[in-house]
Every structure is written in C-alpha cells, then in structure tokens.
C-alpha cells in the first residue's frame, strides 16, 4: 500500500478521501469523517460517510484530506 501523508491529523467533520485499496472501487471516494477510533494496537481508525450513505472505515493510512476547492 502506498502510504499517503499519514502525519495529517483528522477531526470529525473533515472532508476526506478514502483509498480504492480500502473501498475496492476504482477511484478515491470523498466523504465526511463521522468518527475517529483510538485503537491501542494499530493506531487511529477513521470512519467516513459518503454522499450515497456508504460508510468506510480503516486505519488512517488509507485516508487523505480532500484538497479540492469547490467554487
């Protein structure tokens, strides 16, 4: 897995993208962070919900901040 910038900190309400390696889809999926789990064994786990209501969660290495500017 190619790690994105894992030094980024996420917070509930952030708009982020999740890797196709986690979703098994062809593209990065955008969504809103709905929960952050502090897992003592593997680190932070992020849960997001996309605009279709799907929920994806995994370790933060699979997520990146959405840099798209909407005008």
C-alpha atoms as a PDB file:
ATOM      1  CA  UNK A   1       0.000   0.000   0.000  1.00  0.00           C
ATOM      2  CA  UNK A   2       1.323   3.418  -0.906  1.00  0.00           C
ATOM      3  CA  UNK A   3       1.061   5.498   2.223  1.00  0.00           C
ATOM      4  CA  UNK A   4      -0.281   8.981   1.820  1.00  0.00           C
ATOM      5  CA  UNK A   5       0.724  11.747   4.218  1.00  0.00           C
ATOM      6  CA  UNK A   6      -0.081   9.974   7.488  1.00  0.00           C
ATOM      7  CA  UNK A   7       1.167  12.893   9.584  1.00  0.00           C
ATOM      8  CA  UNK A   8      -2.090  14.717   8.879  1.00  0.00           C
ATOM      9  CA  UNK A   9      -4.480  14.897  11.755  1.00  0.00           C
ATOM     10  CA  UNK A  10      -8.130  14.295  11.125  1.00  0.00           C
ATOM     11  CA  UNK A  11     -11.116  15.521  13.088  1.00  0.00           C
ATOM     12  CA  UNK A  12     -14.835  14.811  12.947  1.00  0.00           C
ATOM     13  CA  UNK A  13     -16.437  16.893  10.196  1.00  0.00           C
ATOM     14  CA  UNK A  14     -13.374  16.999   7.918  1.00  0.00           C
ATOM     15  CA  UNK A  15     -13.922  16.219   4.253  1.00  0.00           C
ATOM     16  CA  UNK A  16     -11.503  13.456   3.320  1.00  0.00           C
ATOM     17  CA  UNK A  17     -10.919  10.904   0.589  1.00  0.00           C
ATOM     18  CA  UNK A  18     -10.534   7.155   1.084  1.00  0.00           C
ATOM     19  CA  UNK A  19      -8.222   4.964  -0.980  1.00  0.00           C
ATOM     20  CA  UNK A  20      -9.510   2.497  -3.579  1.00  0.00           C
ATOM     21  CA  UNK A  21      -7.390  -0.117  -1.786  1.00  0.00           C
ATOM     22  CA  UNK A  22      -9.835   0.065   1.112  1.00  0.00           C
ATOM     23  CA  UNK A  23     -13.098   0.521  -0.808  1.00  0.00           C
ATOM     24  CA  UNK A  24     -12.253  -1.858  -3.687  1.00  0.00           C
ATOM     25  CA  UNK A  25     -13.655   0.774  -6.051  1.00  0.00           C
ATOM     26  CA  UNK A  26     -11.796   2.363  -8.979  1.00  0.00           C
ATOM     27  CA  UNK A  27     -11.462   5.909  -7.615  1.00  0.00           C
ATOM     28  CA  UNK A  28     -10.849   7.742  -4.381  1.00  0.00           C
ATOM     29  CA  UNK A  29     -14.177   8.374  -2.612  1.00  0.00           C
ATOM     30  CA  UNK A  30     -14.893  11.644  -0.763  1.00  0.00           C
ATOM     31  CA  UNK A  31     -16.771  11.699   2.497  1.00  0.00           C
ATOM     32  CA  UNK A  32     -17.121  13.349   5.883  1.00  0.00           C
ATOM     33  CA  UNK A  33     -15.345  11.987   8.951  1.00  0.00           C
ATOM     34  CA  UNK A  34     -18.036  10.732  11.332  1.00  0.00           C
ATOM     35  CA  UNK A  35     -15.892   9.023  13.961  1.00  0.00           C
ATOM     36  CA  UNK A  36     -12.275   8.546  14.984  1.00  0.00           C
ATOM     37  CA  UNK A  37     -11.355   5.449  16.976  1.00  0.00           C
ATOM     38  CA  UNK A  38      -8.228   5.375  19.127  1.00  0.00           C
ATOM     39  CA  UNK A  39      -7.118   1.764  18.673  1.00  0.00           C
ATOM     40  CA  UNK A  40      -4.196   0.967  21.014  1.00  0.00           C
ATOM     41  CA  UNK A  41      -2.941  -1.807  18.721  1.00  0.00           C
ATOM     42  CA  UNK A  42      -2.970  -0.245  15.243  1.00  0.00           C
ATOM     43  CA  UNK A  43      -3.400   3.474  15.888  1.00  0.00           C
ATOM     44  CA  UNK A  44      -6.159   5.787  14.764  1.00  0.00           C
ATOM     45  CA  UNK A  45      -9.020   4.362  12.727  1.00  0.00           C
ATOM     46  CA  UNK A  46     -11.151   6.731  10.685  1.00  0.00           C
ATOM     47  CA  UNK A  47     -14.817   6.240   9.720  1.00  0.00           C
ATOM     48  CA  UNK A  48     -16.347   8.324   6.927  1.00  0.00           C
ATOM     49  CA  UNK A  49     -19.753   8.563   5.294  1.00  0.00           C
ATOM     50  CA  UNK A  50     -20.018   9.449   1.611  1.00  0.00           C
ATOM     51  CA  UNK A  51     -22.820  11.259  -0.213  1.00  0.00           C
ATOM     52  CA  UNK A  52     -24.527   7.938  -1.040  1.00  0.00           C
ATOM     53  CA  UNK A  53     -24.720   6.985   2.641  1.00  0.00           C
ATOM     54  CA  UNK A  54     -21.984   4.353   2.475  1.00  0.00           C
ATOM     55  CA  UNK A  55     -19.657   4.104   5.468  1.00  0.00           C
ATOM     56  CA  UNK A  56     -15.988   3.212   5.083  1.00  0.00           C
ATOM     57  CA  UNK A  57     -13.518   2.766   7.915  1.00  0.00           C
ATOM     58  CA  UNK A  58      -9.907   1.759   8.309  1.00  0.00           C
ATOM     59  CA  UNK A  59      -6.532   2.888   9.551  1.00  0.00           C
ATOM     60  CA  UNK A  60      -5.662   6.472   8.776  1.00  0.00           C
ATOM     61  CA  UNK A  61      -3.056   5.411   6.188  1.00  0.00           C
ATOM     62  CA  UNK A  62      -5.928   4.863   3.729  1.00  0.00           C
ATOM     63  CA  UNK A  63      -7.234   8.430   4.059  1.00  0.00           C
ATOM     64  CA  UNK A  64      -6.126  11.847   2.844  1.00  0.00           C
ATOM     65  CA  UNK A  65      -7.510  15.343   3.222  1.00  0.00           C
ATOM     66  CA  UNK A  66      -9.662  16.356   0.245  1.00  0.00           C
ATOM     67  CA  UNK A  67      -7.767  19.229  -1.368  1.00  0.00           C
ATOM     68  CA  UNK A  68     -10.471  20.015  -3.963  1.00  0.00           C
ATOM     69  CA  UNK A  69     -11.664  23.600  -3.803  1.00  0.00           C
ATOM     70  CA  UNK A  70     -15.342  23.990  -4.628  1.00  0.00           C
ATOM     71  CA  UNK A  71     -16.280  27.355  -6.141  1.00  0.00           C
END
